[in-house]
Amino acid sequence: LDFGVPQAQFSELSLAASTHGALSVSIDPARGGSRKVRPDFVLVREEPEGGAGGAPRRLLVGLHLGGVPGSDPI
């Protein structure tokens, strides 16, 4: 059983979705070491604020539409 809990700021995340319904999240932290994950669940610990054009809120909507369950309603 492989279990990991990646943590990132909204500014470090980007979404990619395929026509087959697969959703992946790219994590590109400022400290380097980019990676892709397919989340089973998302936990938002703080209110998404700021960002260019409401990017954090759009990211959460994308996760929701991609079928990723979350801890907080959008």
N, C-alpha and C. Protein backbone atom coordinates (compact mmCIF):
# COMPACT_ATOMS: atom_id res chain seq x y z
N LEU A 1 0.85 -1.17 0.00
CA LEU A 1 0.00 0.00 0.00
C LEU A 1 0.89 1.23 0.00
N ASP A 2 0.71 2.08 -0.99
CA ASP A 2 1.50 3.31 -1.11
C ASP A 2 0.59 4.48 -0.78
N PHE A 3 0.96 5.24 0.24
CA PHE A 3 0.14 6.34 0.70
C PHE A 3 1.00 7.58 0.85
N GLY A 4 0.61 8.66 0.21
CA GLY A 4 1.36 9.91 0.31
C GLY A 4 0.41 11.09 0.43
N VAL A 5 0.86 12.13 1.08
CA VAL A 5 0.06 13.33 1.25
C VAL A 5 0.87 14.53 0.78
N PRO A 6 0.83 14.82 -0.52
CA PRO A 6 1.55 15.99 -1.00
C PRO A 6 0.85 17.27 -0.56
N GLN A 7 1.64 18.27 -0.21
CA GLN A 7 1.10 19.57 0.18
C GLN A 7 1.68 20.63 -0.74
N ALA A 8 0.84 21.60 -1.12
CA ALA A 8 1.31 22.64 -2.03
C ALA A 8 0.44 23.88 -1.90
N GLN A 9 0.98 25.00 -2.31
CA GLN A 9 0.23 26.24 -2.40
C GLN A 9 -0.55 26.22 -3.72
N PHE A 10 -1.64 26.97 -3.79
CA PHE A 10 -2.42 27.03 -5.02
C PHE A 10 -1.57 27.49 -6.20
N SER A 11 -0.64 28.39 -5.95
CA SER A 11 0.19 28.92 -7.03
C SER A 11 1.14 27.87 -7.62
N GLU A 12 1.32 26.75 -6.93
CA GLU A 12 2.22 25.69 -7.39
C GLU A 12 1.49 24.58 -8.15
N LEU A 13 0.17 24.71 -8.30
CA LEU A 13 -0.64 23.64 -8.89
C LEU A 13 -1.16 24.01 -10.27
N SER A 14 -1.28 22.99 -11.12
CA SER A 14 -1.98 23.14 -12.40
C SER A 14 -2.68 21.82 -12.70
N LEU A 15 -3.79 21.90 -13.41
CA LEU A 15 -4.60 20.72 -13.74
C LEU A 15 -4.44 20.35 -15.20
N ALA A 16 -4.55 19.05 -15.46
CA ALA A 16 -4.61 18.55 -16.83
C ALA A 16 -5.67 17.46 -16.87
N ALA A 17 -6.57 17.53 -17.83
CA ALA A 17 -7.62 16.53 -17.98
C ALA A 17 -7.58 15.97 -19.39
N SER A 18 -7.87 14.68 -19.49
CA SER A 18 -7.89 14.05 -20.81
C SER A 18 -9.33 13.79 -21.23
N THR A 19 -9.52 13.45 -22.49
CA THR A 19 -10.86 13.13 -22.99
C THR A 19 -11.35 11.80 -22.44
N HIS A 20 -10.46 11.03 -21.84
CA HIS A 20 -10.83 9.75 -21.24
C HIS A 20 -11.28 9.90 -19.79
N GLY A 21 -11.32 11.13 -19.30
CA GLY A 21 -11.77 11.39 -17.94
C GLY A 21 -10.69 11.37 -16.89
N ALA A 22 -9.45 11.17 -17.28
CA ALA A 22 -8.36 11.16 -16.31
C ALA A 22 -7.96 12.59 -15.96
N LEU A 23 -7.78 12.85 -14.69
CA LEU A 23 -7.38 14.16 -14.21
C LEU A 23 -6.05 14.01 -13.47
N SER A 24 -5.10 14.86 -13.80
CA SER A 24 -3.84 14.85 -13.06
C SER A 24 -3.51 16.26 -12.62
N VAL A 25 -2.80 16.35 -11.52
CA VAL A 25 -2.38 17.63 -10.96
C VAL A 25 -0.87 17.69 -11.00
N SER A 26 -0.34 18.74 -11.58
CA SER A 26 1.11 18.97 -11.59
C SER A 26 1.44 19.88 -10.42
N ILE A 27 2.44 19.46 -9.64
CA ILE A 27 2.92 20.27 -8.53
C ILE A 27 4.31 20.75 -8.90
N ASP A 28 4.46 22.06 -8.98
CA ASP A 28 5.74 22.65 -9.37
C ASP A 28 6.17 23.66 -8.31
N PRO A 29 6.73 23.16 -7.19
CA PRO A 29 7.12 24.07 -6.11
C PRO A 29 8.30 24.94 -6.48
N ALA A 30 8.39 26.09 -5.85
CA ALA A 30 9.48 27.03 -6.12
C ALA A 30 10.83 26.42 -5.77
N ARG A 31 10.85 25.46 -4.86
CA ARG A 31 12.11 24.84 -4.45
C ARG A 31 12.56 23.74 -5.41
N GLY A 32 11.81 23.52 -6.49
CA GLY A 32 12.19 22.53 -7.51
C GLY A 32 11.57 21.17 -7.26
N GLY A 33 11.75 20.27 -8.20
CA GLY A 33 11.24 18.91 -8.05
C GLY A 33 9.80 18.74 -8.47
N SER A 34 9.46 19.13 -9.66
CA SER A 34 8.10 19.03 -10.18
C SER A 34 7.65 17.57 -10.26
N ARG A 35 6.35 17.32 -10.04
CA ARG A 35 5.80 15.97 -10.17
C ARG A 35 4.32 16.02 -10.48
N LYS A 36 3.79 14.90 -10.97
CA LYS A 36 2.37 14.79 -11.29
C LYS A 36 1.74 13.76 -10.37
N VAL A 37 0.52 14.04 -9.95
CA VAL A 37 -0.24 13.12 -9.11
C VAL A 37 -1.66 13.02 -9.63
N ARG A 38 -2.31 11.90 -9.32
CA ARG A 38 -3.74 11.72 -9.60
C ARG A 38 -4.44 11.66 -8.25
N PRO A 39 -5.02 12.77 -7.82
CA PRO A 39 -5.56 12.83 -6.46
C PRO A 39 -6.81 11.98 -6.26
N ASP A 40 -6.88 11.35 -5.09
CA ASP A 40 -8.07 10.61 -4.68
C ASP A 40 -8.99 11.48 -3.84
N PHE A 41 -8.41 12.53 -3.26
CA PHE A 41 -9.13 13.38 -2.33
C PHE A 41 -8.37 14.70 -2.21
N VAL A 42 -9.08 15.79 -1.97
CA VAL A 42 -8.41 17.08 -1.75
C VAL A 42 -8.89 17.67 -0.43
N LEU A 43 -7.95 18.14 0.36
CA LEU A 43 -8.23 18.79 1.63
C LEU A 43 -7.73 20.22 1.54
N VAL A 44 -8.63 21.17 1.68
CA VAL A 44 -8.26 22.59 1.62
C VAL A 44 -8.24 23.10 3.05
N ARG A 45 -7.05 23.53 3.48
CA ARG A 45 -6.89 23.96 4.87
C ARG A 45 -7.10 25.45 5.07
N GLU A 46 -7.08 26.23 4.02
CA GLU A 46 -7.28 27.67 4.12
C GLU A 46 -8.21 28.15 3.02
N GLU A 47 -8.84 29.28 3.26
CA GLU A 47 -9.72 29.89 2.25
C GLU A 47 -8.89 30.28 1.03
N PRO A 48 -9.29 29.84 -0.17
CA PRO A 48 -8.53 30.23 -1.37
C PRO A 48 -8.73 31.71 -1.65
N GLU A 49 -7.66 32.46 -1.63
CA GLU A 49 -7.72 33.90 -1.85
C GLU A 49 -6.80 34.30 -2.98
N GLY A 50 -7.09 35.45 -3.55
CA GLY A 50 -6.20 36.08 -4.51
C GLY A 50 -5.96 35.25 -5.75
N GLY A 51 -4.74 35.35 -6.25
CA GLY A 51 -4.41 34.66 -7.48
C GLY A 51 -4.88 35.46 -8.68
N ALA A 52 -4.26 35.23 -9.78
CA ALA A 52 -4.61 35.94 -11.02
C ALA A 52 -5.98 35.48 -11.50
N GLY A 53 -6.94 36.39 -11.53
CA GLY A 53 -8.26 36.08 -12.06
C GLY A 53 -9.02 35.02 -11.28
N GLY A 54 -8.78 34.90 -9.96
CA GLY A 54 -9.47 33.89 -9.17
C GLY A 54 -8.98 32.48 -9.44
N ALA A 55 -7.71 32.33 -9.77
CA ALA A 55 -7.14 31.03 -10.12
C ALA A 55 -7.37 29.95 -9.07
N PRO A 56 -7.20 30.22 -7.76
CA PRO A 56 -7.44 29.15 -6.78
C PRO A 56 -8.87 28.63 -6.83
N ARG A 57 -9.83 29.51 -6.98
CA ARG A 57 -11.23 29.09 -7.03
C ARG A 57 -11.48 28.25 -8.29
N ARG A 58 -10.90 28.65 -9.42
CA ARG A 58 -11.06 27.88 -10.67
C ARG A 58 -10.40 26.51 -10.54
N LEU A 59 -9.28 26.43 -9.85
CA LEU A 59 -8.60 25.16 -9.63
C LEU A 59 -9.50 24.21 -8.83
N LEU A 60 -10.15 24.73 -7.79
CA LEU A 60 -11.05 23.91 -6.99
C LEU A 60 -12.26 23.44 -7.80
N VAL A 61 -12.79 24.32 -8.63
CA VAL A 61 -13.91 23.93 -9.49
C VAL A 61 -13.47 22.84 -10.47
N GLY A 62 -12.27 22.97 -11.03
CA GLY A 62 -11.75 21.94 -11.93
C GLY A 62 -11.60 20.60 -11.25
N LEU A 63 -11.11 20.59 -10.01
CA LEU A 63 -11.00 19.34 -9.25
C LEU A 63 -12.38 18.74 -9.01
N HIS A 64 -13.33 19.58 -8.64
CA HIS A 64 -14.70 19.12 -8.40
C HIS A 64 -15.31 18.52 -9.68
N LEU A 65 -15.19 19.24 -10.80
CA LEU A 65 -15.74 18.74 -12.06
C LEU A 65 -15.01 17.49 -12.55
N GLY A 66 -13.75 17.33 -12.13
CA GLY A 66 -12.98 16.14 -12.47
C GLY A 66 -13.31 14.94 -11.60
N GLY A 67 -14.25 15.11 -10.66
CA GLY A 67 -14.68 14.00 -9.84
C GLY A 67 -13.83 13.72 -8.62
N VAL A 68 -13.00 14.68 -8.22
CA VAL A 68 -12.15 14.49 -7.04
C VAL A 68 -12.93 14.95 -5.81
N PRO A 69 -13.21 14.03 -4.87
CA PRO A 69 -13.93 14.45 -3.67
C PRO A 69 -13.08 15.38 -2.82
N GLY A 70 -13.74 16.25 -2.08
CA GLY A 70 -13.02 17.21 -1.25
C GLY A 70 -13.62 17.33 0.13
N SER A 71 -12.91 18.03 1.00
CA SER A 71 -13.33 18.20 2.38
C SER A 71 -14.32 19.34 2.55
N ASP A 72 -14.28 20.32 1.67
CA ASP A 72 -15.11 21.51 1.80
C ASP A 72 -15.97 21.69 0.56
N PRO A 73 -17.24 22.07 0.75
CA PRO A 73 -18.07 22.36 -0.43
C PRO A 73 -17.57 23.61 -1.13
N ILE A 74 -17.72 23.64 -2.44
CA ILE A 74 -17.26 24.79 -3.22
C ILE A 74 -18.38 25.80 -3.31
